[in-house]
Amino acid sequence: MALLARPVGEGRRGFAFVLPGCAETGAVLDIRDDRITADLVGGENVNCATANYFLATFAVDTGRVSPSAKPVR
């Protein structure tokens, strides 16, 4: 959990999402005026018996995030 406690720096905002997947290789952050979401990417065409869970963390410039945008999952 040290990753979540680390400061992101002045002028930046941090976001963390726990996402279910299989063999994905990365994640993307989607910032809209009203919401912020994240999705896993990569690892297509892989069949899994059970899902894995990934912690996806992001740090973005504050100016890129609308004050009304809220994380959604």
PDB file of N, CA and C in Angstrom:
ATOM      1  N   MET A   1       0.797  -1.188   0.000  1.00  0.00           N
ATOM      2  CA  MET A   1       0.000   0.000   0.000  1.00  0.00           C
ATOM      3  C   MET A   1       0.849   1.266   0.000  1.00  0.00           C
ATOM      4  N   ALA A   2       2.138   1.115   0.034  1.00  0.00           N
ATOM      5  CA  ALA A   2       3.016   2.288   0.008  1.00  0.00           C
ATOM      6  C   ALA A   2       2.806   3.100  -1.260  1.00  0.00           C
ATOM      7  N   LEU A   3       2.470   2.433  -2.356  1.00  0.00           N
ATOM      8  CA  LEU A   3       2.228   3.139  -3.614  1.00  0.00           C
ATOM      9  C   LEU A   3       1.089   4.139  -3.475  1.00  0.00           C
ATOM     10  N   LEU A   4       0.049   3.780  -2.748  1.00  0.00           N
ATOM     11  CA  LEU A   4      -1.097   4.670  -2.583  1.00  0.00           C
ATOM     12  C   LEU A   4      -0.802   5.819  -1.622  1.00  0.00           C
ATOM     13  N   ALA A   5       0.176   5.650  -0.754  1.00  0.00           N
ATOM     14  CA  ALA A   5       0.521   6.695   0.214  1.00  0.00           C
ATOM     15  C   ALA A   5       1.527   7.694  -0.344  1.00  0.00           C
ATOM     16  N   ARG A   6       2.145   7.385  -1.460  1.00  0.00           N
ATOM     17  CA  ARG A   6       3.156   8.258  -2.047  1.00  0.00           C
ATOM     18  C   ARG A   6       2.509   9.514  -2.624  1.00  0.00           C
ATOM     19  N   PRO A   7       3.029  10.710  -2.281  1.00  0.00           N
ATOM     20  CA  PRO A   7       2.453  11.936  -2.849  1.00  0.00           C
ATOM     21  C   PRO A   7       2.670  12.001  -4.358  1.00  0.00           C
ATOM     22  N   VAL A   8       1.711  12.603  -5.063  1.00  0.00           N
ATOM     23  CA  VAL A   8       1.802  12.684  -6.524  1.00  0.00           C
ATOM     24  C   VAL A   8       2.476  13.956  -6.996  1.00  0.00           C
ATOM     25  N   GLY A   9       2.684  14.903  -6.102  1.00  0.00           N
ATOM     26  CA  GLY A   9       3.371  16.132  -6.484  1.00  0.00           C
ATOM     27  C   GLY A   9       2.416  17.289  -6.671  1.00  0.00           C
ATOM     28  N   GLU A  10       2.952  18.472  -6.512  1.00  0.00           N
ATOM     29  CA  GLU A  10       2.153  19.683  -6.649  1.00  0.00           C
ATOM     30  C   GLU A  10       1.653  19.836  -8.081  1.00  0.00           C
ATOM     31  N   GLY A  11       0.386  20.220  -8.201  1.00  0.00           N
ATOM     32  CA  GLY A  11      -0.199  20.421  -9.525  1.00  0.00           C
ATOM     33  C   GLY A  11      -0.614  19.140 -10.208  1.00  0.00           C
ATOM     34  N   ARG A  12      -0.662  18.030  -9.463  1.00  0.00           N
ATOM     35  CA  ARG A  12      -1.051  16.743 -10.036  1.00  0.00           C
ATOM     36  C   ARG A  12      -2.100  16.101  -9.151  1.00  0.00           C
ATOM     37  N   ARG A  13      -2.908  15.227  -9.741  1.00  0.00           N
ATOM     38  CA  ARG A  13      -3.898  14.446  -9.005  1.00  0.00           C
ATOM     39  C   ARG A  13      -3.637  12.977  -9.252  1.00  0.00           C
ATOM     40  N   GLY A  14      -3.830  12.187  -8.220  1.00  0.00           N
ATOM     41  CA  GLY A  14      -3.630  10.749  -8.325  1.00  0.00           C
ATOM     42  C   GLY A  14      -4.945  10.002  -8.296  1.00  0.00           C
ATOM     43  N   PHE A  15      -5.007   8.916  -9.051  1.00  0.00           N
ATOM     44  CA  PHE A  15      -6.191   8.062  -9.102  1.00  0.00           C
ATOM     45  C   PHE A  15      -5.729   6.613  -9.062  1.00  0.00           C
ATOM     46  N   ALA A  16      -6.525   5.771  -8.405  1.00  0.00           N
ATOM     47  CA  ALA A  16      -6.228   4.335  -8.340  1.00  0.00           C
ATOM     48  C   ALA A  16      -7.520   3.553  -8.558  1.00  0.00           C
ATOM     49  N   PHE A  17      -7.432   2.513  -9.357  1.00  0.00           N
ATOM     50  CA  PHE A  17      -8.570   1.650  -9.645  1.00  0.00           C
ATOM     51  C   PHE A  17      -8.134   0.197  -9.493  1.00  0.00           C
ATOM     52  N   VAL A  18      -8.976  -0.629  -8.902  1.00  0.00           N
ATOM     53  CA  VAL A  18      -8.772  -2.080  -8.891  1.00  0.00           C
ATOM     54  C   VAL A  18      -9.665  -2.632  -9.985  1.00  0.00           C
ATOM     55  N   LEU A  19      -9.033  -3.284 -10.977  1.00  0.00           N
ATOM     56  CA  LEU A  19      -9.754  -3.732 -12.169  1.00  0.00           C
ATOM     57  C   LEU A  19      -9.615  -5.242 -12.349  1.00  0.00           C
ATOM     58  N   PRO A  20     -10.725  -5.945 -12.620  1.00  0.00           N
ATOM     59  CA  PRO A  20     -10.628  -7.378 -12.894  1.00  0.00           C
ATOM     60  C   PRO A  20     -10.199  -7.612 -14.335  1.00  0.00           C
ATOM     61  N   GLY A  21      -9.391  -8.633 -14.536  1.00  0.00           N
ATOM     62  CA  GLY A  21      -8.938  -8.957 -15.882  1.00  0.00           C
ATOM     63  C   GLY A  21      -8.340 -10.344 -15.933  1.00  0.00           C
ATOM     64  N   CYS A  22      -7.502 -10.560 -16.936  1.00  0.00           N
ATOM     65  CA  CYS A  22      -6.919 -11.875 -17.147  1.00  0.00           C
ATOM     66  C   CYS A  22      -5.407 -11.761 -17.325  1.00  0.00           C
ATOM     67  N   ALA A  23      -4.998 -11.321 -18.493  1.00  0.00           N
ATOM     68  CA  ALA A  23      -3.561 -11.227 -18.803  1.00  0.00           C
ATOM     69  C   ALA A  23      -3.236  -9.886 -19.440  1.00  0.00           C
ATOM     70  N   GLU A  24      -3.926  -8.841 -19.011  1.00  0.00           N
ATOM     71  CA  GLU A  24      -3.718  -7.520 -19.598  1.00  0.00           C
ATOM     72  C   GLU A  24      -2.315  -7.005 -19.294  1.00  0.00           C
ATOM     73  N   THR A  25      -1.845  -6.127 -20.139  1.00  0.00           N
ATOM     74  CA  THR A  25      -0.472  -5.625 -20.017  1.00  0.00           C
ATOM     75  C   THR A  25      -0.397  -4.156 -19.633  1.00  0.00           C
ATOM     76  N   GLY A  26      -1.543  -3.483 -19.514  1.00  0.00           N
ATOM     77  CA  GLY A  26      -1.538  -2.068 -19.163  1.00  0.00           C
ATOM     78  C   GLY A  26      -2.940  -1.584 -18.871  1.00  0.00           C
ATOM     79  N   ALA A  27      -3.045  -0.291 -18.615  1.00  0.00           N
ATOM     80  CA  ALA A  27      -4.341   0.314 -18.334  1.00  0.00           C
ATOM     81  C   ALA A  27      -4.372   1.719 -18.918  1.00  0.00           C
ATOM     82  N   VAL A  28      -5.572   2.189 -19.225  1.00  0.00           N
ATOM     83  CA  VAL A  28      -5.763   3.547 -19.739  1.00  0.00           C
ATOM     84  C   VAL A  28      -6.743   4.279 -18.836  1.00  0.00           C
ATOM     85  N   LEU A  29      -6.526   5.575 -18.695  1.00  0.00           N
ATOM     86  CA  LEU A  29      -7.400   6.430 -17.910  1.00  0.00           C
ATOM     87  C   LEU A  29      -8.215   7.275 -18.878  1.00  0.00           C
ATOM     88  N   ASP A  30      -9.524   7.335 -18.676  1.00  0.00           N
ATOM     89  CA  ASP A  30     -10.419   8.113 -19.520  1.00  0.00           C
ATOM     90  C   ASP A  30     -11.007   9.239 -18.666  1.00  0.00           C
ATOM     91  N   ILE A  31     -10.634  10.474 -18.983  1.00  0.00           N
ATOM     92  CA  ILE A  31     -11.091  11.635 -18.219  1.00  0.00           C
ATOM     93  C   ILE A  31     -12.111  12.393 -19.061  1.00  0.00           C
ATOM     94  N   ARG A  32     -13.322  12.505 -18.553  1.00  0.00           N
ATOM     95  CA  ARG A  32     -14.395  13.258 -19.202  1.00  0.00           C
ATOM     96  C   ARG A  32     -14.756  14.434 -18.307  1.00  0.00           C
ATOM     97  N   ASP A  33     -15.666  15.301 -18.779  1.00  0.00           N
ATOM     98  CA  ASP A  33     -16.080  16.447 -17.971  1.00  0.00           C
ATOM     99  C   ASP A  33     -16.728  16.038 -16.655  1.00  0.00           C
ATOM    100  N   ASP A  34     -17.466  14.909 -16.669  1.00  0.00           N
ATOM    101  CA  ASP A  34     -18.225  14.524 -15.484  1.00  0.00           C
ATOM    102  C   ASP A  34     -17.742  13.251 -14.805  1.00  0.00           C
ATOM    103  N   ARG A  35     -16.834  12.491 -15.448  1.00  0.00           N
ATOM    104  CA  ARG A  35     -16.421  11.212 -14.861  1.00  0.00           C
ATOM    105  C   ARG A  35     -15.008  10.837 -15.263  1.00  0.00           C
ATOM    106  N   ILE A  36     -14.441   9.965 -14.452  1.00  0.00           N
ATOM    107  CA  ILE A  36     -13.100   9.435 -14.692  1.00  0.00           C
ATOM    108  C   ILE A  36     -13.197   7.920 -14.550  1.00  0.00           C
ATOM    109  N   THR A  37     -12.781   7.189 -15.581  1.00  0.00           N
ATOM    110  CA  THR A  37     -12.814   5.730 -15.543  1.00  0.00           C
ATOM    111  C   THR A  37     -11.466   5.187 -16.008  1.00  0.00           C
ATOM    112  N   ALA A  38     -11.259   3.915 -15.752  1.00  0.00           N
ATOM    113  CA  ALA A  38     -10.043   3.241 -16.201  1.00  0.00           C
ATOM    114  C   ALA A  38     -10.418   1.875 -16.750  1.00  0.00           C
ATOM    115  N   ASP A  39      -9.675   1.423 -17.736  1.00  0.00           N
ATOM    116  CA  ASP A  39      -9.872   0.103 -18.343  1.00  0.00           C
ATOM    117  C   ASP A  39      -8.527  -0.549 -18.580  1.00  0.00           C
ATOM    118  N   LEU A  40      -8.509  -1.866 -18.491  1.00  0.00           N
ATOM    119  CA  LEU A  40      -7.303  -2.626 -18.811  1.00  0.00           C
ATOM    120  C   LEU A  40      -7.183  -2.787 -20.319  1.00  0.00           C
ATOM    121  N   VAL A  41      -5.962  -2.903 -20.806  1.00  0.00           N
ATOM    122  CA  VAL A  41      -5.701  -3.091 -22.231  1.00  0.00           C
ATOM    123  C   VAL A  41      -4.627  -4.158 -22.416  1.00  0.00           C
ATOM    124  N   GLY A  42      -4.551  -4.699 -23.613  1.00  0.00           N
ATOM    125  CA  GLY A  42      -3.554  -5.719 -23.930  1.00  0.00           C
ATOM    126  C   GLY A  42      -4.020  -7.094 -23.495  1.00  0.00           C
ATOM    127  N   GLY A  43      -3.278  -8.104 -23.888  1.00  0.00           N
ATOM    128  CA  GLY A  43      -3.607  -9.471 -23.497  1.00  0.00           C
ATOM    129  C   GLY A  43      -4.836 -10.033 -24.176  1.00  0.00           C
ATOM    130  N   GLU A  44      -5.150  -9.537 -25.380  1.00  0.00           N
ATOM    131  CA  GLU A  44      -6.327 -10.022 -26.094  1.00  0.00           C
ATOM    132  C   GLU A  44      -6.183 -11.502 -26.439  1.00  0.00           C
ATOM    133  N   ASN A  45      -7.324 -12.137 -26.611  1.00  0.00           N
ATOM    134  CA  ASN A  45      -7.411 -13.541 -27.025  1.00  0.00           C
ATOM    135  C   ASN A  45      -6.785 -14.501 -26.019  1.00  0.00           C
ATOM    136  N   VAL A  46      -6.860 -14.154 -24.732  1.00  0.00           N
ATOM    137  CA  VAL A  46      -6.378 -15.045 -23.677  1.00  0.00           C
ATOM    138  C   VAL A  46      -7.588 -15.524 -22.892  1.00  0.00           C
ATOM    139  N   ASN A  47      -7.683 -16.831 -22.693  1.00  0.00           N
ATOM    140  CA  ASN A  47      -8.784 -17.395 -21.919  1.00  0.00           C
ATOM    141  C   ASN A  47      -8.315 -17.675 -20.501  1.00  0.00           C
ATOM    142  N   CYS A  48      -9.083 -17.227 -19.525  1.00  0.00           N
ATOM    143  CA  CYS A  48      -8.739 -17.436 -18.117  1.00  0.00           C
ATOM    144  C   CYS A  48      -9.862 -18.199 -17.431  1.00  0.00           C
ATOM    145  N   ALA A  49      -9.470 -19.056 -16.493  1.00  0.00           N
ATOM    146  CA  ALA A  49     -10.471 -19.769 -15.706  1.00  0.00           C
ATOM    147  C   ALA A  49     -11.049 -18.851 -14.634  1.00  0.00           C
ATOM    148  N   THR A  50     -10.220 -18.001 -14.072  1.00  0.00           N
ATOM    149  CA  THR A  50     -10.677 -17.049 -13.057  1.00  0.00           C
ATOM    150  C   THR A  50     -10.027 -15.696 -13.319  1.00  0.00           C
ATOM    151  N   ALA A  51     -10.693 -14.666 -12.896  1.00  0.00           N
ATOM    152  CA  ALA A  51     -10.178 -13.311 -13.098  1.00  0.00           C
ATOM    153  C   ALA A  51      -9.027 -13.011 -12.146  1.00  0.00           C
ATOM    154  N   ASN A  52      -8.118 -12.179 -12.597  1.00  0.00           N
ATOM    155  CA  ASN A  52      -7.073 -11.601 -11.758  1.00  0.00           C
ATOM    156  C   ASN A  52      -7.495 -10.169 -11.474  1.00  0.00           C
ATOM    157  N   TYR A  53      -6.916  -9.588 -10.432  1.00  0.00           N
ATOM    158  CA  TYR A  53      -7.221  -8.193 -10.112  1.00  0.00           C
ATOM    159  C   TYR A  53      -5.943  -7.380 -10.199  1.00  0.00           C
ATOM    160  N   PHE A  54      -6.034  -6.243 -10.850  1.00  0.00           N
ATOM    161  CA  PHE A  54      -4.894  -5.366 -11.087  1.00  0.00           C
ATOM    162  C   PHE A  54      -5.141  -4.016 -10.421  1.00  0.00           C
ATOM    163  N   LEU A  55      -4.101  -3.474  -9.805  1.00  0.00           N
ATOM    164  CA  LEU A  55      -4.163  -2.119  -9.265  1.00  0.00           C
ATOM    165  C   LEU A  55      -3.559  -1.197 -10.310  1.00  0.00           C
ATOM    166  N   ALA A  56      -4.389  -0.326 -10.872  1.00  0.00           N
ATOM    167  CA  ALA A  56      -3.938   0.631 -11.888  1.00  0.00           C
ATOM    168  C   ALA A  56      -3.872   2.010 -11.230  1.00  0.00           C
ATOM    169  N   THR A  57      -2.691   2.626 -11.253  1.00  0.00           N
ATOM    170  CA  THR A  57      -2.527   3.949 -10.651  1.00  0.00           C
ATOM    171  C   THR A  57      -2.112   4.947 -11.717  1.00  0.00           C
ATOM    172  N   PHE A  58      -2.574   6.177 -11.551  1.00  0.00           N
ATOM    173  CA  PHE A  58      -2.311   7.231 -12.522  1.00  0.00           C
ATOM    174  C   PHE A  58      -2.038   8.539 -11.784  1.00  0.00           C
ATOM    175  N   ALA A  59      -1.197   9.387 -12.348  1.00  0.00           N
ATOM    176  CA  ALA A  59      -0.983  10.751 -11.873  1.00  0.00           C
ATOM    177  C   ALA A  59      -1.090  11.659 -13.095  1.00  0.00           C
ATOM    178  N   VAL A  60      -1.971  12.639 -13.015  1.00  0.00           N
ATOM    179  CA  VAL A  60      -2.199  13.547 -14.148  1.00  0.00           C
ATOM    180  C   VAL A  60      -2.157  14.996 -13.675  1.00  0.00           C
ATOM    181  N   ASP A  61      -1.869  15.891 -14.600  1.00  0.00           N
ATOM    182  CA  ASP A  61      -1.867  17.312 -14.278  1.00  0.00           C
ATOM    183  C   ASP A  61      -3.267  17.742 -13.851  1.00  0.00           C
ATOM    184  N   THR A  62      -3.355  18.522 -12.803  1.00  0.00           N
ATOM    185  CA  THR A  62      -4.633  18.977 -12.272  1.00  0.00           C
ATOM    186  C   THR A  62      -5.463  19.691 -13.334  1.00  0.00           C
ATOM    187  N   GLY A  63      -4.836  20.462 -14.204  1.00  0.00           N
ATOM    188  CA  GLY A  63      -5.544  21.193 -15.241  1.00  0.00           C
ATOM    189  C   GLY A  63      -6.249  20.310 -16.257  1.00  0.00           C
ATOM    190  N   ARG A  64      -5.903  19.042 -16.314  1.00  0.00           N
ATOM    191  CA  ARG A  64      -6.540  18.121 -17.261  1.00  0.00           C
ATOM    192  C   ARG A  64      -7.799  17.478 -16.706  1.00  0.00           C
ATOM    193  N   VAL A  65      -8.112  17.778 -15.425  1.00  0.00           N
ATOM    194  CA  VAL A  65      -9.258  17.150 -14.770  1.00  0.00           C
ATOM    195  C   VAL A  65     -10.275  18.221 -14.395  1.00  0.00           C
ATOM    196  N   SER A  66     -11.487  18.093 -14.931  1.00  0.00           N
ATOM    197  CA  SER A  66     -12.564  19.028 -14.610  1.00  0.00           C
ATOM    198  C   SER A  66     -12.898  18.923 -13.125  1.00  0.00           C
ATOM    199  N   PRO A  67     -13.161  20.037 -12.462  1.00  0.00           N
ATOM    200  CA  PRO A  67     -13.542  19.994 -11.045  1.00  0.00           C
ATOM    201  C   PRO A  67     -14.791  19.156 -10.779  1.00  0.00           C
ATOM    202  N   SER A  68     -15.664  18.998 -11.789  1.00  0.00           N
ATOM    203  CA  SER A  68     -16.883  18.217 -11.598  1.00  0.00           C
ATOM    204  C   SER A  68     -16.703  16.726 -11.919  1.00  0.00           C
ATOM    205  N   ALA A  69     -15.536  16.320 -12.416  1.00  0.00           N
ATOM    206  CA  ALA A  69     -15.306  14.917 -12.766  1.00  0.00           C
ATOM    207  C   ALA A  69     -15.094  14.079 -11.511  1.00  0.00           C
ATOM    208  N   LYS A  70     -15.765  12.939 -11.449  1.00  0.00           N
ATOM    209  CA  LYS A  70     -15.668  12.017 -10.318  1.00  0.00           C
ATOM    210  C   LYS A  70     -15.270  10.640 -10.808  1.00  0.00           C
ATOM    211  N   PRO A  71     -14.402   9.938 -10.062  1.00  0.00           N
ATOM    212  CA  PRO A  71     -14.071   8.557 -10.438  1.00  0.00           C
ATOM    213  C   PRO A  71     -15.321   7.662 -10.381  1.00  0.00           C
ATOM    214  N   VAL A  72     -15.480   6.833 -11.398  1.00  0.00           N
ATOM    215  CA  VAL A  72     -16.623   5.942 -11.519  1.00  0.00           C
ATOM    216  C   VAL A  72     -16.110   4.552 -11.869  1.00  0.00           C
ATOM    217  N   ARG A  73     -16.732   3.567 -11.303  1.00  0.00           N
ATOM    218  CA  ARG A  73     -16.429   2.178 -11.684  1.00  0.00           C
ATOM    219  C   ARG A  73     -17.662   1.372 -11.615  1.00  0.00           C
TER     220      ARG A  73
END
